[in-house]
Amino acid sequence: MAYLTSWAADIILFILLATIVDLLLPQNTFKTYAKVVLSLLLVSILLSPVFQLFKLDANDLLENTAFGESSYEKEIEQTIKNRKKEIHAAQSAYISEQVAVQMKSQAEEELKNDGFVVKDLDVVIEGASEDERHIAHVQLLLSHDDDAISIEPVVVSLTEAEESQEVSTEVTNGIAKRFRELWQLEPSELSVEIVERDGVS
């Protein structure tokens, strides 16, 4: 209410002042310009409540805008990071699959005369970028080739079973050594397992 009273008083005072100025100015072109200026001032006084109604604190406006932009930038940045991770994971999976196919083909070629077939081959590739990617581990699962082995019923004693286990370990180690040299891997980066036809190692 106090603001409206002040606003009405400003209008009355301005009209009185404008009337005095109008009476004091001589009749010429300058008086016309003065009337235009006074009219614009009167309009601004009349519209001052509207301006006051929509008045915003400039600092608050800047802070809100800056905060909004900052949040938006963080959201965009997080989206980009997530997208990069998804792309990297997809690339790693694709590369692992392609490398596994090539290595399996090499393994089958290497073992074709040894009575073994490649049952499964898994490759784990690590590295954030293309330059850093490397083979972290290879799991090679072999089984005896059914076509290359003739099965005959035999009676095996405990000593023979132990000897057979030792031979199997030697064969596994020999195969592992061959593939480590072929693929240039460290001992910890290659695991070879021979699975019997009934699924027992």
N, C-alpha and C. Protein backbone atom coordinates (compact mmCIF):
# COMPACT_ATOMS: atom_id res chain seq x y z
N MET A 1 0.83 -1.21 0.00
CA MET A 1 0.00 0.00 0.00
C MET A 1 0.87 1.26 0.00
N ALA A 2 1.95 1.21 0.78
CA ALA A 2 2.85 2.37 0.85
C ALA A 2 3.47 2.63 -0.51
N TYR A 3 3.76 1.51 -1.24
CA TYR A 3 4.37 1.68 -2.56
C TYR A 3 3.40 2.37 -3.51
N LEU A 4 2.10 2.02 -3.46
CA LEU A 4 1.09 2.64 -4.33
C LEU A 4 0.92 4.13 -4.01
N THR A 5 0.96 4.46 -2.71
CA THR A 5 0.86 5.87 -2.31
C THR A 5 2.04 6.67 -2.84
N SER A 6 3.22 6.09 -2.72
CA SER A 6 4.42 6.75 -3.24
C SER A 6 4.36 6.91 -4.75
N TRP A 7 3.84 5.86 -5.40
CA TRP A 7 3.72 5.89 -6.87
C TRP A 7 2.76 6.99 -7.33
N ALA A 8 1.61 7.12 -6.65
CA ALA A 8 0.63 8.15 -6.99
C ALA A 8 1.21 9.55 -6.74
N ALA A 9 1.96 9.70 -5.65
CA ALA A 9 2.58 11.00 -5.35
C ALA A 9 3.60 11.36 -6.42
N ASP A 10 4.35 10.37 -6.90
CA ASP A 10 5.34 10.63 -7.96
C ASP A 10 4.66 11.11 -9.24
N ILE A 11 3.52 10.50 -9.56
CA ILE A 11 2.79 10.90 -10.77
C ILE A 11 2.31 12.35 -10.66
N ILE A 12 1.73 12.68 -9.49
CA ILE A 12 1.20 14.05 -9.30
C ILE A 12 2.33 15.08 -9.37
N LEU A 13 3.45 14.78 -8.68
CA LEU A 13 4.57 15.71 -8.70
C LEU A 13 5.14 15.87 -10.10
N PHE A 14 5.20 14.77 -10.84
CA PHE A 14 5.75 14.86 -12.19
C PHE A 14 4.84 15.68 -13.10
N ILE A 15 3.53 15.50 -12.95
CA ILE A 15 2.59 16.28 -13.79
C ILE A 15 2.72 17.78 -13.48
N LEU A 16 2.83 18.11 -12.20
CA LEU A 16 3.01 19.52 -11.82
C LEU A 16 4.31 20.07 -12.41
N LEU A 17 5.39 19.30 -12.30
CA LEU A 17 6.68 19.73 -12.83
C LEU A 17 6.61 19.89 -14.35
N ALA A 18 5.96 18.93 -15.02
CA ALA A 18 5.84 19.00 -16.48
C ALA A 18 5.04 20.22 -16.91
N THR A 19 4.01 20.54 -16.15
CA THR A 19 3.18 21.73 -16.47
C THR A 19 4.00 23.01 -16.33
N ILE A 20 4.80 23.10 -15.27
CA ILE A 20 5.64 24.29 -15.06
C ILE A 20 6.65 24.43 -16.19
N VAL A 21 7.29 23.30 -16.55
CA VAL A 21 8.28 23.33 -17.64
C VAL A 21 7.62 23.75 -18.94
N ASP A 22 6.41 23.25 -19.18
CA ASP A 22 5.69 23.59 -20.42
C ASP A 22 5.36 25.08 -20.48
N LEU A 23 5.02 25.65 -19.34
CA LEU A 23 4.70 27.08 -19.31
C LEU A 23 5.94 27.95 -19.49
N LEU A 24 7.08 27.47 -18.99
CA LEU A 24 8.30 28.27 -19.05
C LEU A 24 8.97 28.23 -20.43
N LEU A 25 8.77 27.13 -21.16
CA LEU A 25 9.45 27.02 -22.45
C LEU A 25 8.76 27.87 -23.51
N PRO A 26 9.53 28.52 -24.38
CA PRO A 26 8.93 29.33 -25.46
C PRO A 26 8.32 28.42 -26.53
N GLN A 27 7.46 29.00 -27.35
CA GLN A 27 6.80 28.25 -28.42
C GLN A 27 7.77 28.08 -29.59
N ASN A 28 8.45 26.96 -29.64
CA ASN A 28 9.35 26.66 -30.77
C ASN A 28 9.52 25.14 -30.88
N THR A 29 10.44 24.73 -31.73
CA THR A 29 10.67 23.29 -31.96
C THR A 29 11.19 22.61 -30.71
N PHE A 30 11.96 23.31 -29.93
CA PHE A 30 12.52 22.74 -28.71
C PHE A 30 11.42 22.30 -27.75
N LYS A 31 10.31 23.07 -27.70
CA LYS A 31 9.21 22.75 -26.80
C LYS A 31 8.56 21.41 -27.20
N THR A 32 8.51 21.14 -28.49
CA THR A 32 7.94 19.88 -28.98
C THR A 32 8.78 18.69 -28.50
N TYR A 33 10.11 18.84 -28.61
CA TYR A 33 11.00 17.78 -28.13
C TYR A 33 10.87 17.58 -26.62
N ALA A 34 10.72 18.69 -25.91
CA ALA A 34 10.58 18.62 -24.46
C ALA A 34 9.32 17.86 -24.07
N LYS A 35 8.23 18.10 -24.82
CA LYS A 35 6.97 17.39 -24.54
C LYS A 35 7.12 15.88 -24.77
N VAL A 36 7.87 15.54 -25.83
CA VAL A 36 8.09 14.11 -26.12
C VAL A 36 8.86 13.45 -24.97
N VAL A 37 9.90 14.13 -24.50
CA VAL A 37 10.71 13.59 -23.41
C VAL A 37 9.89 13.47 -22.14
N LEU A 38 9.11 14.51 -21.83
CA LEU A 38 8.28 14.47 -20.63
C LEU A 38 7.23 13.36 -20.72
N SER A 39 6.69 13.16 -21.91
CA SER A 39 5.70 12.10 -22.10
C SER A 39 6.31 10.72 -21.85
N LEU A 40 7.53 10.54 -22.35
CA LEU A 40 8.21 9.25 -22.13
C LEU A 40 8.51 9.02 -20.66
N LEU A 41 8.91 10.10 -19.97
CA LEU A 41 9.16 9.98 -18.53
C LEU A 41 7.88 9.63 -17.77
N LEU A 42 6.77 10.24 -18.18
CA LEU A 42 5.49 9.96 -17.54
C LEU A 42 5.08 8.49 -17.75
N VAL A 43 5.30 8.02 -18.97
CA VAL A 43 4.98 6.61 -19.26
C VAL A 43 5.83 5.68 -18.39
N SER A 44 7.11 6.01 -18.24
CA SER A 44 7.98 5.17 -17.41
C SER A 44 7.54 5.17 -15.95
N ILE A 45 7.07 6.34 -15.46
CA ILE A 45 6.57 6.41 -14.08
C ILE A 45 5.29 5.59 -13.93
N LEU A 46 4.42 5.69 -14.94
CA LEU A 46 3.17 4.93 -14.90
C LEU A 46 3.42 3.41 -14.92
N LEU A 47 4.46 3.01 -15.63
CA LEU A 47 4.75 1.57 -15.76
C LEU A 47 5.71 1.05 -14.68
N SER A 48 6.13 1.91 -13.78
CA SER A 48 7.10 1.48 -12.76
C SER A 48 6.58 0.33 -11.88
N PRO A 49 5.27 0.27 -11.53
CA PRO A 49 4.81 -0.90 -10.76
C PRO A 49 4.98 -2.22 -11.52
N VAL A 50 4.78 -2.14 -12.84
CA VAL A 50 4.96 -3.34 -13.65
C VAL A 50 6.42 -3.78 -13.64
N PHE A 51 7.32 -2.79 -13.78
CA PHE A 51 8.76 -3.10 -13.73
C PHE A 51 9.13 -3.69 -12.37
N GLN A 52 8.54 -3.11 -11.31
CA GLN A 52 8.84 -3.59 -9.96
C GLN A 52 8.34 -5.03 -9.77
N LEU A 53 7.20 -5.31 -10.40
CA LEU A 53 6.61 -6.64 -10.27
C LEU A 53 7.52 -7.72 -10.87
N PHE A 54 8.14 -7.39 -12.00
CA PHE A 54 8.99 -8.35 -12.70
C PHE A 54 10.48 -8.15 -12.41
N LYS A 55 10.76 -7.35 -11.38
CA LYS A 55 12.15 -7.07 -11.07
C LYS A 55 12.83 -8.33 -10.53
N LEU A 56 14.02 -8.64 -11.06
CA LEU A 56 14.80 -9.79 -10.62
C LEU A 56 16.16 -9.32 -10.15
N ASP A 57 16.65 -10.00 -9.15
CA ASP A 57 18.00 -9.70 -8.68
C ASP A 57 19.01 -10.23 -9.69
N ALA A 58 19.85 -9.33 -10.18
CA ALA A 58 20.80 -9.72 -11.23
C ALA A 58 21.77 -10.79 -10.75
N ASN A 59 22.21 -10.68 -9.50
CA ASN A 59 23.15 -11.68 -8.96
C ASN A 59 22.52 -13.06 -8.88
N ASP A 60 21.25 -13.08 -8.38
CA ASP A 60 20.55 -14.37 -8.31
C ASP A 60 20.38 -14.97 -9.69
N LEU A 61 20.04 -14.11 -10.64
CA LEU A 61 19.84 -14.59 -12.01
C LEU A 61 21.13 -15.18 -12.58
N LEU A 62 22.25 -14.49 -12.34
CA LEU A 62 23.54 -14.98 -12.83
C LEU A 62 23.92 -16.30 -12.16
N GLU A 63 23.69 -16.37 -10.84
CA GLU A 63 24.03 -17.60 -10.12
C GLU A 63 23.21 -18.78 -10.61
N ASN A 64 21.89 -18.53 -10.80
CA ASN A 64 21.02 -19.60 -11.28
C ASN A 64 21.43 -20.05 -12.67
N THR A 65 21.77 -19.08 -13.52
CA THR A 65 22.18 -19.42 -14.88
C THR A 65 23.48 -20.20 -14.86
N ALA A 66 24.43 -19.74 -14.05
CA ALA A 66 25.73 -20.43 -13.97
C ALA A 66 25.55 -21.84 -13.42
N PHE A 67 24.69 -21.98 -12.39
CA PHE A 67 24.45 -23.30 -11.82
C PHE A 67 23.80 -24.23 -12.83
N GLY A 68 22.84 -23.66 -13.57
CA GLY A 68 22.16 -24.46 -14.60
C GLY A 68 23.12 -24.92 -15.67
N GLU A 69 23.98 -24.02 -16.12
CA GLU A 69 24.96 -24.39 -17.15
C GLU A 69 25.94 -25.42 -16.61
N SER A 70 26.37 -25.23 -15.34
CA SER A 70 27.31 -26.17 -14.74
C SER A 70 26.70 -27.57 -14.64
N SER A 71 25.45 -27.65 -14.19
CA SER A 71 24.78 -28.95 -14.07
C SER A 71 24.62 -29.59 -15.44
N TYR A 72 24.27 -28.79 -16.42
CA TYR A 72 24.09 -29.32 -17.78
C TYR A 72 25.41 -29.84 -18.33
N GLU A 73 26.49 -29.08 -18.09
CA GLU A 73 27.81 -29.52 -18.57
C GLU A 73 28.24 -30.81 -17.89
N LYS A 74 27.98 -30.92 -16.58
CA LYS A 74 28.33 -32.15 -15.87
C LYS A 74 27.54 -33.33 -16.39
N GLU A 75 26.26 -33.09 -16.67
CA GLU A 75 25.41 -34.16 -17.20
C GLU A 75 25.90 -34.62 -18.57
N ILE A 76 26.25 -33.65 -19.42
CA ILE A 76 26.78 -33.98 -20.75
C ILE A 76 28.09 -34.75 -20.62
N GLU A 77 28.96 -34.27 -19.72
CA GLU A 77 30.26 -34.92 -19.53
C GLU A 77 30.10 -36.36 -19.05
N GLN A 78 29.15 -36.58 -18.12
CA GLN A 78 28.91 -37.93 -17.61
C GLN A 78 28.35 -38.83 -18.70
N THR A 79 27.47 -38.27 -19.53
CA THR A 79 26.90 -39.04 -20.65
C THR A 79 27.99 -39.46 -21.62
N ILE A 80 28.91 -38.54 -21.91
CA ILE A 80 30.01 -38.84 -22.83
C ILE A 80 30.90 -39.94 -22.24
N LYS A 81 31.20 -39.84 -20.94
CA LYS A 81 32.04 -40.86 -20.29
C LYS A 81 31.38 -42.23 -20.36
N ASN A 82 30.07 -42.27 -20.07
CA ASN A 82 29.35 -43.54 -20.11
C ASN A 82 29.35 -44.13 -21.51
N ARG A 83 29.17 -43.24 -22.50
CA ARG A 83 29.16 -43.69 -23.90
C ARG A 83 30.53 -44.25 -24.30
N LYS A 84 31.58 -43.57 -23.83
CA LYS A 84 32.94 -44.06 -24.12
C LYS A 84 33.17 -45.44 -23.52
N LYS A 85 32.69 -45.63 -22.28
CA LYS A 85 32.85 -46.93 -21.62
C LYS A 85 32.11 -48.02 -22.40
N GLU A 86 30.89 -47.69 -22.86
CA GLU A 86 30.11 -48.67 -23.62
C GLU A 86 30.82 -49.03 -24.92
N ILE A 87 31.34 -48.01 -25.61
CA ILE A 87 32.05 -48.25 -26.87
C ILE A 87 33.31 -49.08 -26.62
N HIS A 88 34.04 -48.73 -25.54
CA HIS A 88 35.27 -49.46 -25.22
C HIS A 88 34.96 -50.93 -24.90
N ALA A 89 33.89 -51.16 -24.13
CA ALA A 89 33.51 -52.53 -23.78
C ALA A 89 33.12 -53.32 -25.03
N ALA A 90 32.37 -52.67 -25.92
CA ALA A 90 31.96 -53.34 -27.16
C ALA A 90 33.17 -53.65 -28.04
N GLN A 91 34.10 -52.70 -28.13
CA GLN A 91 35.31 -52.92 -28.92
C GLN A 91 36.15 -54.05 -28.34
N SER A 92 36.30 -54.06 -27.01
CA SER A 92 37.09 -55.10 -26.36
C SER A 92 36.48 -56.48 -26.59
N ALA A 93 35.14 -56.55 -26.48
CA ALA A 93 34.46 -57.83 -26.70
C ALA A 93 34.65 -58.30 -28.14
N TYR A 94 34.52 -57.37 -29.08
CA TYR A 94 34.68 -57.73 -30.50
C TYR A 94 36.12 -58.18 -30.79
N ILE A 95 37.08 -57.43 -30.27
CA ILE A 95 38.49 -57.77 -30.49
C ILE A 95 38.82 -59.12 -29.86
N SER A 96 38.33 -59.35 -28.63
CA SER A 96 38.56 -60.63 -27.95
C SER A 96 38.01 -61.79 -28.78
N GLU A 97 36.82 -61.58 -29.33
CA GLU A 97 36.20 -62.63 -30.14
C GLU A 97 37.01 -62.91 -31.40
N GLN A 98 37.46 -61.85 -32.08
CA GLN A 98 38.24 -62.03 -33.30
C GLN A 98 39.58 -62.69 -33.02
N VAL A 99 40.23 -62.26 -31.95
CA VAL A 99 41.52 -62.86 -31.57
C VAL A 99 41.33 -64.33 -31.20
N ALA A 100 40.25 -64.63 -30.48
CA ALA A 100 39.98 -66.02 -30.09
C ALA A 100 39.77 -66.90 -31.31
N VAL A 101 39.07 -66.39 -32.32
CA VAL A 101 38.85 -67.16 -33.56
C VAL A 101 40.18 -67.46 -34.24
N GLN A 102 41.04 -66.46 -34.34
CA GLN A 102 42.34 -66.65 -34.99
C GLN A 102 43.22 -67.63 -34.20
N MET A 103 43.24 -67.47 -32.88
CA MET A 103 44.08 -68.34 -32.05
C MET A 103 43.55 -69.77 -32.05
N LYS A 104 42.23 -69.92 -32.09
CA LYS A 104 41.65 -71.26 -32.14
C LYS A 104 42.03 -71.95 -33.44
N SER A 105 42.00 -71.20 -34.53
CA SER A 105 42.41 -71.75 -35.83
C SER A 105 43.88 -72.19 -35.80
N GLN A 106 44.73 -71.36 -35.21
CA GLN A 106 46.15 -71.71 -35.08
C GLN A 106 46.33 -72.95 -34.21
N ALA A 107 45.57 -73.02 -33.12
CA ALA A 107 45.69 -74.16 -32.20
C ALA A 107 45.25 -75.45 -32.88
N GLU A 108 44.15 -75.39 -33.62
CA GLU A 108 43.68 -76.59 -34.33
C GLU A 108 44.70 -77.06 -35.35
N GLU A 109 45.32 -76.11 -36.05
CA GLU A 109 46.35 -76.45 -37.04
C GLU A 109 47.57 -77.07 -36.35
N GLU A 110 47.91 -76.51 -35.19
CA GLU A 110 49.09 -76.98 -34.45
C GLU A 110 48.88 -78.39 -33.88
N LEU A 111 47.64 -78.70 -33.51
CA LEU A 111 47.36 -79.96 -32.81
C LEU A 111 46.75 -81.04 -33.69
N LYS A 112 46.62 -80.78 -34.98
CA LYS A 112 45.88 -81.72 -35.83
C LYS A 112 46.52 -83.10 -35.90
N ASN A 113 47.83 -83.17 -35.69
CA ASN A 113 48.52 -84.47 -35.73
C ASN A 113 48.82 -85.04 -34.35
N ASP A 114 48.33 -84.39 -33.30
CA ASP A 114 48.63 -84.83 -31.93
C ASP A 114 47.47 -85.56 -31.26
N GLY A 115 46.36 -85.72 -31.96
CA GLY A 115 45.22 -86.43 -31.37
C GLY A 115 44.39 -85.59 -30.43
N PHE A 116 44.47 -84.26 -30.55
CA PHE A 116 43.66 -83.37 -29.72
C PHE A 116 42.85 -82.43 -30.60
N VAL A 117 41.70 -82.03 -30.08
CA VAL A 117 40.90 -80.99 -30.74
C VAL A 117 40.64 -79.88 -29.73
N VAL A 118 40.46 -78.68 -30.25
CA VAL A 118 40.20 -77.52 -29.38
C VAL A 118 38.71 -77.51 -29.04
N LYS A 119 38.43 -77.71 -27.78
CA LYS A 119 37.04 -77.70 -27.34
C LYS A 119 36.55 -76.27 -27.08
N ASP A 120 37.43 -75.46 -26.52
CA ASP A 120 37.06 -74.07 -26.25
C ASP A 120 38.33 -73.24 -26.09
N LEU A 121 38.23 -71.96 -26.42
CA LEU A 121 39.36 -71.05 -26.25
C LEU A 121 38.81 -69.67 -25.89
N ASP A 122 39.19 -69.19 -24.72
CA ASP A 122 38.75 -67.87 -24.25
C ASP A 122 39.95 -66.94 -24.16
N VAL A 123 39.75 -65.71 -24.62
CA VAL A 123 40.82 -64.70 -24.59
C VAL A 123 40.33 -63.50 -23.79
N VAL A 124 41.15 -63.05 -22.86
CA VAL A 124 40.87 -61.83 -22.09
C VAL A 124 41.85 -60.76 -22.53
N ILE A 125 41.30 -59.65 -23.04
CA ILE A 125 42.14 -58.54 -23.51
C ILE A 125 41.93 -57.35 -22.58
N GLU A 126 43.03 -56.74 -22.16
CA GLU A 126 42.97 -55.58 -21.27
C GLU A 126 43.67 -54.40 -21.93
N GLY A 127 43.36 -53.21 -21.43
CA GLY A 127 43.97 -51.98 -21.95
C GLY A 127 42.92 -50.95 -22.27
N ALA A 128 43.19 -49.69 -21.86
CA ALA A 128 42.21 -48.61 -22.04
C ALA A 128 42.17 -48.11 -23.47
N SER A 129 43.31 -48.09 -24.13
CA SER A 129 43.35 -47.56 -25.50
C SER A 129 43.88 -48.64 -26.44
N GLU A 130 43.83 -48.32 -27.72
CA GLU A 130 44.27 -49.29 -28.73
C GLU A 130 45.74 -49.64 -28.57
N ASP A 131 46.56 -48.65 -28.21
CA ASP A 131 48.00 -48.89 -28.03
C ASP A 131 48.29 -49.72 -26.78
N GLU A 132 47.42 -49.62 -25.78
CA GLU A 132 47.66 -50.31 -24.51
C GLU A 132 47.05 -51.71 -24.46
N ARG A 133 46.23 -52.05 -25.45
CA ARG A 133 45.57 -53.35 -25.42
C ARG A 133 46.58 -54.49 -25.55
N HIS A 134 46.39 -55.50 -24.71
CA HIS A 134 47.25 -56.67 -24.76
C HIS A 134 46.47 -57.88 -24.26
N ILE A 135 46.98 -59.06 -24.60
CA ILE A 135 46.34 -60.29 -24.15
C ILE A 135 46.72 -60.52 -22.69
N ALA A 136 45.73 -60.50 -21.82
CA ALA A 136 45.98 -60.70 -20.39
C ALA A 136 45.98 -62.18 -20.03
N HIS A 137 45.10 -62.95 -20.67
CA HIS A 137 45.04 -64.38 -20.35
C HIS A 137 44.35 -65.14 -21.47
N VAL A 138 44.83 -66.37 -21.69
CA VAL A 138 44.21 -67.28 -22.66
C VAL A 138 43.91 -68.59 -21.95
N GLN A 139 42.66 -69.04 -22.06
CA GLN A 139 42.24 -70.32 -21.49
C GLN A 139 41.99 -71.28 -22.65
N LEU A 140 42.81 -72.33 -22.75
CA LEU A 140 42.72 -73.29 -23.85
C LEU A 140 42.22 -74.62 -23.30
N LEU A 141 41.08 -75.06 -23.79
CA LEU A 141 40.46 -76.30 -23.34
C LEU A 141 40.50 -77.31 -24.48
N LEU A 142 41.18 -78.43 -24.24
CA LEU A 142 41.36 -79.45 -25.28
C LEU A 142 40.66 -80.74 -24.89
N SER A 143 40.36 -81.54 -25.89
CA SER A 143 39.85 -82.89 -25.65
C SER A 143 40.49 -83.82 -26.66
N HIS A 144 40.46 -85.10 -26.34
CA HIS A 144 41.04 -86.08 -27.26
C HIS A 144 40.18 -86.20 -28.50
N ASP A 145 40.83 -86.36 -29.64
CA ASP A 145 40.13 -86.51 -30.91
C ASP A 145 39.58 -87.92 -30.99
N ASP A 146 38.26 -88.05 -31.05
CA ASP A 146 37.62 -89.37 -31.09
C ASP A 146 38.06 -90.16 -32.32
N ASP A 147 38.30 -89.47 -33.42
CA ASP A 147 38.68 -90.16 -34.66
C ASP A 147 40.11 -90.67 -34.59
N ALA A 148 40.92 -90.05 -33.76
CA ALA A 148 42.34 -90.42 -33.72
C ALA A 148 42.64 -91.44 -32.64
N ILE A 149 41.66 -91.74 -31.80
CA ILE A 149 41.91 -92.63 -30.67
C ILE A 149 41.00 -93.85 -30.78
N SER A 150 41.59 -95.00 -30.69
CA SER A 150 40.80 -96.23 -30.66
C SER A 150 40.64 -96.64 -29.20
N ILE A 151 39.43 -96.87 -28.80
CA ILE A 151 39.14 -97.17 -27.39
C ILE A 151 39.13 -98.68 -27.19
N GLU A 152 39.94 -99.12 -26.27
CA GLU A 152 40.00 -100.54 -25.93
C GLU A 152 39.82 -100.67 -24.43
N PRO A 153 39.00 -101.60 -24.01
CA PRO A 153 38.82 -101.79 -22.56
C PRO A 153 40.10 -102.32 -21.93
N VAL A 154 40.54 -101.66 -20.89
CA VAL A 154 41.77 -102.05 -20.19
C VAL A 154 41.54 -102.01 -18.69
N VAL A 155 42.33 -102.78 -17.99
CA VAL A 155 42.30 -102.76 -16.53
C VAL A 155 43.53 -101.99 -16.06
N VAL A 156 43.30 -100.92 -15.31
CA VAL A 156 44.39 -100.05 -14.89
C VAL A 156 44.60 -100.19 -13.40
N SER A 157 45.83 -100.46 -13.01
CA SER A 157 46.16 -100.53 -11.58
C SER A 157 46.39 -99.13 -11.05
N LEU A 158 46.52 -98.98 -9.73
CA LEU A 158 46.73 -97.68 -9.10
C LEU A 158 48.04 -97.07 -9.57
N THR A 159 49.09 -97.88 -9.69
CA THR A 159 50.39 -97.38 -10.13
C THR A 159 50.31 -96.88 -11.56
N GLU A 160 49.62 -97.63 -12.40
CA GLU A 160 49.47 -97.23 -13.80
C GLU A 160 48.66 -95.94 -13.91
N ALA A 161 47.65 -95.79 -13.05
CA ALA A 161 46.83 -94.57 -13.05
C ALA A 161 47.67 -93.36 -12.68
N GLU A 162 48.55 -93.54 -11.69
CA GLU A 162 49.43 -92.43 -11.28
C GLU A 162 50.40 -92.07 -12.40
N GLU A 163 50.93 -93.12 -13.04
CA GLU A 163 51.85 -92.87 -14.15
C GLU A 163 51.12 -92.17 -15.30
N SER A 164 49.88 -92.59 -15.54
CA SER A 164 49.08 -91.96 -16.60
C SER A 164 48.83 -90.49 -16.29
N GLN A 165 48.59 -90.19 -15.01
CA GLN A 165 48.37 -88.80 -14.59
C GLN A 165 49.62 -87.97 -14.81
N GLU A 166 50.78 -88.55 -14.50
CA GLU A 166 52.05 -87.85 -14.72
C GLU A 166 52.28 -87.58 -16.20
N VAL A 167 51.98 -88.60 -17.02
CA VAL A 167 52.13 -88.44 -18.48
C VAL A 167 51.20 -87.34 -18.98
N SER A 168 49.95 -87.36 -18.46
CA SER A 168 48.97 -86.34 -18.87
C SER A 168 49.45 -84.95 -18.50
N THR A 169 50.05 -84.81 -17.31
CA THR A 169 50.58 -83.51 -16.87
C THR A 169 51.73 -83.08 -17.76
N GLU A 170 52.59 -84.03 -18.11
CA GLU A 170 53.71 -83.71 -19.00
C GLU A 170 53.22 -83.27 -20.38
N VAL A 171 52.20 -83.98 -20.88
CA VAL A 171 51.62 -83.62 -22.19
C VAL A 171 51.03 -82.22 -22.13
N THR A 172 50.28 -81.95 -21.06
CA THR A 172 49.66 -80.63 -20.89
C THR A 172 50.72 -79.54 -20.83
N ASN A 173 51.77 -79.78 -20.04
CA ASN A 173 52.85 -78.79 -19.93
C ASN A 173 53.56 -78.59 -21.26
N GLY A 174 53.75 -79.69 -22.00
CA GLY A 174 54.40 -79.58 -23.31
C GLY A 174 53.58 -78.76 -24.28
N ILE A 175 52.26 -79.02 -24.29
CA ILE A 175 51.37 -78.25 -25.17
C ILE A 175 51.37 -76.78 -24.76
N ALA A 176 51.32 -76.53 -23.45
CA ALA A 176 51.32 -75.15 -22.96
C ALA A 176 52.59 -74.42 -23.39
N LYS A 177 53.71 -75.11 -23.29
CA LYS A 177 54.99 -74.50 -23.69
C LYS A 177 54.99 -74.14 -25.17
N ARG A 178 54.48 -75.07 -26.01
CA ARG A 178 54.43 -74.81 -27.45
C ARG A 178 53.61 -73.57 -27.77
N PHE A 179 52.45 -73.45 -27.11
CA PHE A 179 51.57 -72.32 -27.41
C PHE A 179 52.07 -71.01 -26.80
N ARG A 180 52.78 -71.12 -25.68
CA ARG A 180 53.38 -69.89 -25.13
C ARG A 180 54.42 -69.33 -26.10
N GLU A 181 55.20 -70.22 -26.69
CA GLU A 181 56.19 -69.78 -27.67
C GLU A 181 55.52 -69.27 -28.94
N LEU A 182 54.46 -69.97 -29.37
CA LEU A 182 53.76 -69.56 -30.59
C LEU A 182 53.11 -68.19 -30.44
N TRP A 183 52.47 -67.98 -29.29
CA TRP A 183 51.72 -66.73 -29.07
C TRP A 183 52.51 -65.70 -28.27
N GLN A 184 53.73 -66.04 -27.88
CA GLN A 184 54.60 -65.14 -27.12
C GLN A 184 53.92 -64.67 -25.83
N LEU A 185 53.54 -65.64 -25.02
CA LEU A 185 52.85 -65.37 -23.77
C LEU A 185 53.72 -65.79 -22.59
N GLU A 186 53.46 -65.14 -21.45
CA GLU A 186 54.11 -65.53 -20.20
C GLU A 186 53.38 -66.76 -19.64
N PRO A 187 54.05 -67.54 -18.77
CA PRO A 187 53.40 -68.73 -18.19
C PRO A 187 52.08 -68.41 -17.50
N SER A 188 52.01 -67.25 -16.83
CA SER A 188 50.78 -66.89 -16.11
C SER A 188 49.66 -66.46 -17.05
N GLU A 189 49.98 -66.23 -18.32
CA GLU A 189 48.98 -65.73 -19.27
C GLU A 189 48.31 -66.84 -20.07
N LEU A 190 48.71 -68.09 -19.85
CA LEU A 190 48.13 -69.20 -20.61
C LEU A 190 47.79 -70.36 -19.69
N SER A 191 46.57 -70.84 -19.79
CA SER A 191 46.13 -72.03 -19.06
C SER A 191 45.66 -73.07 -20.07
N VAL A 192 46.20 -74.27 -19.95
CA VAL A 192 45.82 -75.36 -20.84
C VAL A 192 45.23 -76.48 -20.01
N GLU A 193 44.08 -76.97 -20.43
CA GLU A 193 43.43 -78.07 -19.72
C GLU A 193 42.95 -79.09 -20.74
N ILE A 194 43.25 -80.36 -20.46
CA ILE A 194 42.80 -81.44 -21.34
C ILE A 194 41.63 -82.15 -20.66
N VAL A 195 40.51 -82.17 -21.33
CA VAL A 195 39.29 -82.76 -20.79
C VAL A 195 39.05 -84.09 -21.50
N GLU A 196 38.81 -85.12 -20.71
CA GLU A 196 38.52 -86.43 -21.30
C GLU A 196 37.12 -86.41 -21.92
N ARG A 197 36.80 -87.44 -22.64
CA ARG A 197 35.52 -87.49 -23.34
C ARG A 197 34.34 -87.49 -22.38
N ASP A 198 34.55 -88.00 -21.17
CA ASP A 198 33.45 -88.01 -20.19
C ASP A 198 33.39 -86.74 -19.38
N GLY A 199 34.26 -85.73 -19.73
CA GLY A 199 34.22 -84.44 -19.07
C GLY A 199 35.17 -84.32 -17.91
N VAL A 200 35.95 -85.38 -17.62
CA VAL A 200 36.89 -85.33 -16.50
C VAL A 200 38.25 -84.94 -17.01
N SER A 201 38.95 -84.02 -16.29
CA SER A 201 40.28 -83.58 -16.71
C SER A 201 41.29 -84.68 -16.53
